[in-house]
């Protein structure tokens, strides 16, 4: 279901309209001044990769080159680099484990 934005030709305010079906193509009116003098805008959009895509990710050689598996501080540093390479999105469990390893 697309979300369209319209600029009012009278008050210049922007109105957002959620289009539920393809046949729902009637011209909206401004939600601010109720004018029918509106023009559809080209809106920005965003894209977010799914978590499944991140499962295909493999750490780079630079990320693992100085990892010392016997050092909690080294593992914490490594986990920080992984977090950064994956876009910074981690779960509370990841952050808790990182803290526990660093303090062990």
C-alpha atoms as a PDB file:
ATOM      1  CA  UNK A   1       0.000   0.000   0.000  1.00  0.00           C
ATOM      2  CA  UNK A   2       1.693   3.197  -1.111  1.00  0.00           C
ATOM      3  CA  UNK A   3       1.704   6.398   0.878  1.00  0.00           C
ATOM      4  CA  UNK A   4       1.390   9.468  -1.332  1.00  0.00           C
ATOM      5  CA  UNK A   5       2.085  13.061  -0.351  1.00  0.00           C
ATOM      6  CA  UNK A   6       0.286  16.051  -1.809  1.00  0.00           C
ATOM      7  CA  UNK A   7       1.124  19.762  -1.544  1.00  0.00           C
ATOM      8  CA  UNK A   8      -1.837  22.112  -1.307  1.00  0.00           C
ATOM      9  CA  UNK A   9      -1.809  24.913  -3.902  1.00  0.00           C
ATOM     10  CA  UNK A  10      -3.702  27.189  -1.517  1.00  0.00           C
ATOM     11  CA  UNK A  11      -2.069  26.813   1.924  1.00  0.00           C
ATOM     12  CA  UNK A  12       1.187  25.032   0.780  1.00  0.00           C
ATOM     13  CA  UNK A  13       0.815  22.391   3.516  1.00  0.00           C
ATOM     14  CA  UNK A  14       1.565  18.713   2.811  1.00  0.00           C
ATOM     15  CA  UNK A  15      -1.060  16.006   3.194  1.00  0.00           C
ATOM     16  CA  UNK A  16      -0.218  12.277   3.320  1.00  0.00           C
ATOM     17  CA  UNK A  17      -2.684   9.767   1.873  1.00  0.00           C
ATOM     18  CA  UNK A  18      -2.486   5.981   2.275  1.00  0.00           C
ATOM     19  CA  UNK A  19      -3.855   4.311  -0.885  1.00  0.00           C
ATOM     20  CA  UNK A  20      -5.408   0.982   0.063  1.00  0.00           C
ATOM     21  CA  UNK A  21      -6.342  -0.340  -3.398  1.00  0.00           C
ATOM     22  CA  UNK A  22      -5.362   0.339  -7.005  1.00  0.00           C
ATOM     23  CA  UNK A  23      -8.902   1.523  -7.758  1.00  0.00           C
ATOM     24  CA  UNK A  24      -8.724   4.078  -4.927  1.00  0.00           C
ATOM     25  CA  UNK A  25      -7.504   6.855  -7.225  1.00  0.00           C
ATOM     26  CA  UNK A  26      -9.837   9.709  -6.278  1.00  0.00           C
ATOM     27  CA  UNK A  27      -8.229  13.124  -5.863  1.00  0.00           C
ATOM     28  CA  UNK A  28      -7.726  13.868  -2.146  1.00  0.00           C
ATOM     29  CA  UNK A  29      -8.336  17.210  -0.506  1.00  0.00           C
ATOM     30  CA  UNK A  30      -5.992  19.123   1.798  1.00  0.00           C
ATOM     31  CA  UNK A  31      -6.399  17.978   5.396  1.00  0.00           C
ATOM     32  CA  UNK A  32      -5.481  21.483   6.598  1.00  0.00           C
ATOM     33  CA  UNK A  33      -7.749  23.782   4.565  1.00  0.00           C
ATOM     34  CA  UNK A  34      -9.901  21.178   2.721  1.00  0.00           C
ATOM     35  CA  UNK A  35      -8.966  22.596  -0.688  1.00  0.00           C
ATOM     36  CA  UNK A  36      -9.106  20.278  -3.701  1.00  0.00           C
ATOM     37  CA  UNK A  37      -6.173  22.184  -5.236  1.00  0.00           C
ATOM     38  CA  UNK A  38      -3.479  19.587  -4.392  1.00  0.00           C
ATOM     39  CA  UNK A  39      -0.609  18.187  -6.432  1.00  0.00           C
ATOM     40  CA  UNK A  40       1.092  14.839  -5.801  1.00  0.00           C
ATOM     41  CA  UNK A  41       4.753  15.074  -4.785  1.00  0.00           C
ATOM     42  CA  UNK A  42       7.636  12.744  -5.467  1.00  0.00           C
ATOM     43  CA  UNK A  43       8.400  11.395  -2.013  1.00  0.00           C
ATOM     44  CA  UNK A  44      11.608  10.102  -0.484  1.00  0.00           C
ATOM     45  CA  UNK A  45      11.783   6.450   0.456  1.00  0.00           C
ATOM     46  CA  UNK A  46      14.077   4.294   2.530  1.00  0.00           C
ATOM     47  CA  UNK A  47      15.312   0.750   2.266  1.00  0.00           C
ATOM     48  CA  UNK A  48      16.390  -1.465   5.118  1.00  0.00           C
ATOM     49  CA  UNK A  49      18.018  -4.806   4.487  1.00  0.00           C
ATOM     50  CA  UNK A  50      16.416  -7.718   6.275  1.00  0.00           C
ATOM     51  CA  UNK A  51      18.099  -9.571   9.118  1.00  0.00           C
ATOM     52  CA  UNK A  52      18.295 -12.598   6.799  1.00  0.00           C
ATOM     53  CA  UNK A  53      20.614 -10.700   4.462  1.00  0.00           C
ATOM     54  CA  UNK A  54      23.012 -10.055   7.329  1.00  0.00           C
ATOM     55  CA  UNK A  55      23.347 -13.809   7.917  1.00  0.00           C
ATOM     56  CA  UNK A  56      25.272 -14.021   4.628  1.00  0.00           C
ATOM     57  CA  UNK A  57      27.864 -11.599   6.006  1.00  0.00           C
ATOM     58  CA  UNK A  58      31.383 -12.853   6.787  1.00  0.00           C
ATOM     59  CA  UNK A  59      33.914 -10.783   8.783  1.00  0.00           C
ATOM     60  CA  UNK A  60      36.742  -9.319   6.738  1.00  0.00           C
ATOM     61  CA  UNK A  61      40.329 -10.462   7.274  1.00  0.00           C
ATOM     62  CA  UNK A  62      41.128  -7.057   8.805  1.00  0.00           C
ATOM     63  CA  UNK A  63      38.426  -7.666  11.425  1.00  0.00           C
ATOM     64  CA  UNK A  64      39.898 -10.985  12.568  1.00  0.00           C
ATOM     65  CA  UNK A  65      43.626 -10.339  12.052  1.00  0.00           C
ATOM     66  CA  UNK A  66      44.470  -9.304  15.641  1.00  0.00           C
ATOM     67  CA  UNK A  67      41.945 -11.453  17.540  1.00  0.00           C
ATOM     68  CA  UNK A  68      43.309 -13.161  20.655  1.00  0.00           C
ATOM     69  CA  UNK A  69      40.707 -15.735  21.739  1.00  0.00           C
ATOM     70  CA  UNK A  70      42.233 -15.911  25.233  1.00  0.00           C
ATOM     71  CA  UNK A  71      41.754 -12.202  25.964  1.00  0.00           C
ATOM     72  CA  UNK A  72      38.355 -10.815  27.011  1.00  0.00           C
ATOM     73  CA  UNK A  73      39.422  -7.319  25.922  1.00  0.00           C
ATOM     74  CA  UNK A  74      40.475  -8.606  22.488  1.00  0.00           C
ATOM     75  CA  UNK A  75      37.176 -10.443  22.010  1.00  0.00           C
ATOM     76  CA  UNK A  76      35.240  -7.325  23.089  1.00  0.00           C
ATOM     77  CA  UNK A  77      37.179  -5.234  20.561  1.00  0.00           C
ATOM     78  CA  UNK A  78      36.460  -7.865  17.868  1.00  0.00           C
ATOM     79  CA  UNK A  79      32.741  -7.862  18.708  1.00  0.00           C
ATOM     80  CA  UNK A  80      32.749  -4.062  18.438  1.00  0.00           C
ATOM     81  CA  UNK A  81      34.194  -4.289  14.928  1.00  0.00           C
ATOM     82  CA  UNK A  82      31.595  -6.897  13.960  1.00  0.00           C
ATOM     83  CA  UNK A  83      28.844  -4.612  15.259  1.00  0.00           C
ATOM     84  CA  UNK A  84      30.211  -1.749  13.167  1.00  0.00           C
ATOM     85  CA  UNK A  85      30.593  -3.879  10.006  1.00  0.00           C
ATOM     86  CA  UNK A  86      27.010  -5.127  10.371  1.00  0.00           C
ATOM     87  CA  UNK A  87      25.645  -1.590  10.505  1.00  0.00           C
ATOM     88  CA  UNK A  88      25.469  -1.157  14.276  1.00  0.00           C
ATOM     89  CA  UNK A  89      22.233  -3.096  14.737  1.00  0.00           C
ATOM     90  CA  UNK A  90      22.565  -5.634  17.523  1.00  0.00           C
ATOM     91  CA  UNK A  91      20.284  -7.185  20.089  1.00  0.00           C
ATOM     92  CA  UNK A  92      20.382  -6.562  23.846  1.00  0.00           C
ATOM     93  CA  UNK A  93      21.726 -10.132  24.172  1.00  0.00           C
ATOM     94  CA  UNK A  94      24.719  -9.261  21.976  1.00  0.00           C
ATOM     95  CA  UNK A  95      25.467  -6.203  24.111  1.00  0.00           C
ATOM     96  CA  UNK A  96      25.095  -8.176  27.363  1.00  0.00           C
ATOM     97  CA  UNK A  97      27.386 -10.960  26.115  1.00  0.00           C
ATOM     98  CA  UNK A  98      29.934  -8.387  25.009  1.00  0.00           C
ATOM     99  CA  UNK A  99      29.890  -6.784  28.448  1.00  0.00           C
ATOM    100  CA  UNK A 100      30.188 -10.168  30.207  1.00  0.00           C
ATOM    101  CA  UNK A 101      33.157 -11.235  28.043  1.00  0.00           C
ATOM    102  CA  UNK A 102      34.928  -7.916  28.579  1.00  0.00           C
ATOM    103  CA  UNK A 103      34.531  -8.236  32.358  1.00  0.00           C
ATOM    104  CA  UNK A 104      35.634 -11.901  32.511  1.00  0.00           C
END
